[in-house]
């Protein structure tokens, strides 16, 4: 079993983070305090920290014909969970930075991927593989 990761990241508005991560993404909320909230992101602990001074970056790198935002974070899901999340994000009216699609089609590492940003501008990527053995394919 893979152990869960932990990631802390800045947000500008905890109420907006709660609505996005809890409401849109369906993350169960854990502990919280005046300046932070723990969320269960598909079994991983992420923590939204209130930070007025932090600003999301617009840096990108080219990957398979798209400008991928750097930095970004997310989870590798099952294909069924990825499809359900893509539908949920679209239904919530969240703009995709990179719409759901298949990247590296017919090549090692073929994957479903999508990118979007939270209300504070943090970039997220969620992906899935038809064959999980392709996760670290070269």
C-alpha atoms as a PDB file:
ATOM      1  CA  UNK A   1       0.000   0.000   0.000  1.00  0.00           C
ATOM      2  CA  UNK A   2       1.252   3.463  -0.881  1.00  0.00           C
ATOM      3  CA  UNK A   3       1.327   5.812   2.079  1.00  0.00           C
ATOM      4  CA  UNK A   4      -0.602   9.092   1.736  1.00  0.00           C
ATOM      5  CA  UNK A   5       1.318  12.249   0.922  1.00  0.00           C
ATOM      6  CA  UNK A   6       0.936  15.573   2.733  1.00  0.00           C
ATOM      7  CA  UNK A   7       0.923  18.918   0.959  1.00  0.00           C
ATOM      8  CA  UNK A   8       0.427  22.401   2.416  1.00  0.00           C
ATOM      9  CA  UNK A   9      -0.391  25.217  -0.001  1.00  0.00           C
ATOM     10  CA  UNK A  10      -1.450  28.879   0.190  1.00  0.00           C
ATOM     11  CA  UNK A  11      -4.952  30.197  -0.361  1.00  0.00           C
ATOM     12  CA  UNK A  12      -6.336  33.725  -0.181  1.00  0.00           C
ATOM     13  CA  UNK A  13      -9.797  32.834   1.141  1.00  0.00           C
ATOM     14  CA  UNK A  14     -10.553  29.866   3.409  1.00  0.00           C
ATOM     15  CA  UNK A  15     -14.300  29.988   2.709  1.00  0.00           C
ATOM     16  CA  UNK A  16     -13.647  29.766  -1.044  1.00  0.00           C
ATOM     17  CA  UNK A  17     -11.154  26.931  -0.455  1.00  0.00           C
ATOM     18  CA  UNK A  18     -13.717  25.086   1.672  1.00  0.00           C
ATOM     19  CA  UNK A  19     -16.374  25.478  -1.048  1.00  0.00           C
ATOM     20  CA  UNK A  20     -13.997  24.375  -3.818  1.00  0.00           C
ATOM     21  CA  UNK A  21     -12.168  21.471  -2.160  1.00  0.00           C
ATOM     22  CA  UNK A  22     -15.125  20.300  -0.089  1.00  0.00           C
ATOM     23  CA  UNK A  23     -18.006  21.170  -2.397  1.00  0.00           C
ATOM     24  CA  UNK A  24     -16.648  20.852  -5.927  1.00  0.00           C
ATOM     25  CA  UNK A  25     -13.926  18.219  -5.456  1.00  0.00           C
ATOM     26  CA  UNK A  26     -15.792  16.335  -2.716  1.00  0.00           C
ATOM     27  CA  UNK A  27     -12.902  16.314  -0.226  1.00  0.00           C
ATOM     28  CA  UNK A  28     -13.840  15.402   3.323  1.00  0.00           C
ATOM     29  CA  UNK A  29     -12.763  18.136   5.718  1.00  0.00           C
ATOM     30  CA  UNK A  30     -10.530  17.212   8.634  1.00  0.00           C
ATOM     31  CA  UNK A  31      -9.162  19.473  11.326  1.00  0.00           C
ATOM     32  CA  UNK A  32      -9.185  23.217  10.884  1.00  0.00           C
ATOM     33  CA  UNK A  33      -8.274  26.400  12.694  1.00  0.00           C
ATOM     34  CA  UNK A  34      -8.523  30.112  12.032  1.00  0.00           C
ATOM     35  CA  UNK A  35      -5.778  30.036   9.356  1.00  0.00           C
ATOM     36  CA  UNK A  36      -5.869  26.528   7.848  1.00  0.00           C
ATOM     37  CA  UNK A  37      -8.073  23.585   6.805  1.00  0.00           C
ATOM     38  CA  UNK A  38      -7.116  19.909   6.334  1.00  0.00           C
ATOM     39  CA  UNK A  39      -8.770  18.094   3.431  1.00  0.00           C
ATOM     40  CA  UNK A  40      -8.814  14.434   2.410  1.00  0.00           C
ATOM     41  CA  UNK A  41      -7.921  14.515  -1.293  1.00  0.00           C
ATOM     42  CA  UNK A  42      -8.573  10.923  -2.401  1.00  0.00           C
ATOM     43  CA  UNK A  43      -6.817   9.587   0.715  1.00  0.00           C
ATOM     44  CA  UNK A  44      -4.042  12.203   0.811  1.00  0.00           C
ATOM     45  CA  UNK A  45      -3.773  15.051   3.299  1.00  0.00           C
ATOM     46  CA  UNK A  46      -3.713  18.516   1.813  1.00  0.00           C
ATOM     47  CA  UNK A  47      -3.799  21.646   3.937  1.00  0.00           C
ATOM     48  CA  UNK A  48      -5.044  25.013   2.707  1.00  0.00           C
ATOM     49  CA  UNK A  49      -3.174  27.754   4.630  1.00  0.00           C
ATOM     50  CA  UNK A  50      -4.454  31.320   4.584  1.00  0.00           C
ATOM     51  CA  UNK A  51      -1.698  33.491   3.109  1.00  0.00           C
ATOM     52  CA  UNK A  52      -2.369  37.032   1.941  1.00  0.00           C
ATOM     53  CA  UNK A  53       1.060  37.493   0.370  1.00  0.00           C
ATOM     54  CA  UNK A  54       1.280  34.325  -1.723  1.00  0.00           C
ATOM     55  CA  UNK A  55       0.449  34.559  -5.417  1.00  0.00           C
ATOM     56  CA  UNK A  56      -0.012  31.746  -7.922  1.00  0.00           C
ATOM     57  CA  UNK A  57       2.500  31.644 -10.739  1.00  0.00           C
ATOM     58  CA  UNK A  58       1.668  31.625 -14.428  1.00  0.00           C
ATOM     59  CA  UNK A  59       4.827  29.648 -15.362  1.00  0.00           C
ATOM     60  CA  UNK A  60       4.341  26.793 -17.831  1.00  0.00           C
ATOM     61  CA  UNK A  61       6.325  24.088 -19.606  1.00  0.00           C
ATOM     62  CA  UNK A  62       5.357  22.527 -22.955  1.00  0.00           C
ATOM     63  CA  UNK A  63       4.133  18.921 -22.658  1.00  0.00           C
ATOM     64  CA  UNK A  64       2.576  17.042 -25.565  1.00  0.00           C
ATOM     65  CA  UNK A  65       1.332  20.221 -27.241  1.00  0.00           C
ATOM     66  CA  UNK A  66      -0.010  21.963 -24.110  1.00  0.00           C
ATOM     67  CA  UNK A  67       1.383  24.618 -21.782  1.00  0.00           C
ATOM     68  CA  UNK A  68       1.382  22.777 -18.445  1.00  0.00           C
ATOM     69  CA  UNK A  69       1.278  25.033 -15.368  1.00  0.00           C
ATOM     70  CA  UNK A  70       4.240  24.788 -13.014  1.00  0.00           C
ATOM     71  CA  UNK A  71       3.922  24.153 -10.130  1.00  0.00           C
ATOM     72  CA  UNK A  72       0.839  21.968  -9.880  1.00  0.00           C
ATOM     73  CA  UNK A  73      -0.392  19.054  -7.789  1.00  0.00           C
ATOM     74  CA  UNK A  74      -3.068  16.392  -7.970  1.00  0.00           C
ATOM     75  CA  UNK A  75      -3.758  12.688  -7.750  1.00  0.00           C
ATOM     76  CA  UNK A  76      -3.600   9.721 -10.104  1.00  0.00           C
ATOM     77  CA  UNK A  77      -7.148   8.342 -10.070  1.00  0.00           C
ATOM     78  CA  UNK A  78      -8.870   5.313 -11.486  1.00  0.00           C
ATOM     79  CA  UNK A  79     -10.339   6.006 -14.916  1.00  0.00           C
ATOM     80  CA  UNK A  80     -13.893   5.872 -13.500  1.00  0.00           C
ATOM     81  CA  UNK A  81     -13.025   8.364 -10.728  1.00  0.00           C
ATOM     82  CA  UNK A  82     -11.210  10.618 -13.248  1.00  0.00           C
ATOM     83  CA  UNK A  83     -14.249  10.658 -15.556  1.00  0.00           C
ATOM     84  CA  UNK A  84     -16.587  11.405 -12.630  1.00  0.00           C
ATOM     85  CA  UNK A  85     -14.341  14.237 -11.416  1.00  0.00           C
ATOM     86  CA  UNK A  86     -14.116  15.733 -14.920  1.00  0.00           C
ATOM     87  CA  UNK A  87     -17.905  15.763 -15.115  1.00  0.00           C
ATOM     88  CA  UNK A  88     -18.230  17.245 -11.619  1.00  0.00           C
ATOM     89  CA  UNK A  89     -15.719  20.044 -12.360  1.00  0.00           C
ATOM     90  CA  UNK A  90     -17.431  20.855 -15.667  1.00  0.00           C
ATOM     91  CA  UNK A  91     -20.871  20.863 -14.035  1.00  0.00           C
ATOM     92  CA  UNK A  92     -19.579  23.298 -11.387  1.00  0.00           C
ATOM     93  CA  UNK A  93     -18.562  25.705 -14.156  1.00  0.00           C
ATOM     94  CA  UNK A  94     -14.861  25.513 -13.327  1.00  0.00           C
ATOM     95  CA  UNK A  95     -12.757  26.560 -16.330  1.00  0.00           C
ATOM     96  CA  UNK A  96     -10.268  23.948 -17.466  1.00  0.00           C
ATOM     97  CA  UNK A  97      -6.765  25.277 -18.126  1.00  0.00           C
ATOM     98  CA  UNK A  98      -6.229  22.087 -20.118  1.00  0.00           C
ATOM     99  CA  UNK A  99      -9.476  20.264 -20.876  1.00  0.00           C
ATOM    100  CA  UNK A 100      -9.836  16.550 -20.125  1.00  0.00           C
ATOM    101  CA  UNK A 101      -8.086  14.564 -22.826  1.00  0.00           C
ATOM    102  CA  UNK A 102      -5.735  11.648 -23.507  1.00  0.00           C
ATOM    103  CA  UNK A 103      -2.050  12.632 -23.476  1.00  0.00           C
ATOM    104  CA  UNK A 104       0.720  10.618 -25.166  1.00  0.00           C
ATOM    105  CA  UNK A 105      -1.871   8.620 -27.103  1.00  0.00           C
ATOM    106  CA  UNK A 106      -0.419   5.315 -28.325  1.00  0.00           C
ATOM    107  CA  UNK A 107       2.886   5.942 -26.522  1.00  0.00           C
ATOM    108  CA  UNK A 108       4.387   4.709 -23.252  1.00  0.00           C
ATOM    109  CA  UNK A 109       2.746   6.655 -20.448  1.00  0.00           C
ATOM    110  CA  UNK A 110      -0.571   7.205 -22.249  1.00  0.00           C
ATOM    111  CA  UNK A 111      -2.853   8.901 -19.735  1.00  0.00           C
ATOM    112  CA  UNK A 112      -6.048  10.818 -19.254  1.00  0.00           C
ATOM    113  CA  UNK A 113      -5.319  14.268 -17.842  1.00  0.00           C
ATOM    114  CA  UNK A 114      -6.985  17.566 -16.993  1.00  0.00           C
ATOM    115  CA  UNK A 115      -5.846  20.820 -15.388  1.00  0.00           C
ATOM    116  CA  UNK A 116      -7.792  23.528 -13.590  1.00  0.00           C
ATOM    117  CA  UNK A 117      -7.147  26.081 -10.844  1.00  0.00           C
ATOM    118  CA  UNK A 118      -8.630  26.555  -7.401  1.00  0.00           C
ATOM    119  CA  UNK A 119     -10.074  29.955  -6.390  1.00  0.00           C
ATOM    120  CA  UNK A 120      -6.594  31.093  -5.223  1.00  0.00           C
ATOM    121  CA  UNK A 121      -5.017  30.189  -8.568  1.00  0.00           C
ATOM    122  CA  UNK A 122      -3.272  26.980  -7.457  1.00  0.00           C
ATOM    123  CA  UNK A 123      -2.981  24.650 -10.450  1.00  0.00           C
ATOM    124  CA  UNK A 124      -4.239  21.085 -10.090  1.00  0.00           C
ATOM    125  CA  UNK A 125      -3.779  18.115 -12.397  1.00  0.00           C
ATOM    126  CA  UNK A 126      -5.728  14.899 -12.134  1.00  0.00           C
ATOM    127  CA  UNK A 127      -4.796  11.954 -14.296  1.00  0.00           C
ATOM    128  CA  UNK A 128      -5.668   8.307 -14.857  1.00  0.00           C
ATOM    129  CA  UNK A 129      -4.174   5.407 -16.762  1.00  0.00           C
ATOM    130  CA  UNK A 130      -5.952   2.622 -18.606  1.00  0.00           C
ATOM    131  CA  UNK A 131      -2.953   0.553 -17.458  1.00  0.00           C
ATOM    132  CA  UNK A 132      -1.410   1.665 -14.140  1.00  0.00           C
ATOM    133  CA  UNK A 133       1.874   0.033 -15.225  1.00  0.00           C
ATOM    134  CA  UNK A 134       2.274   3.069 -17.520  1.00  0.00           C
ATOM    135  CA  UNK A 135       2.636   5.463 -14.553  1.00  0.00           C
ATOM    136  CA  UNK A 136       6.437   5.336 -14.705  1.00  0.00           C
ATOM    137  CA  UNK A 137       6.826   4.141 -18.297  1.00  0.00           C
ATOM    138  CA  UNK A 138       9.888   5.350 -20.174  1.00  0.00           C
END
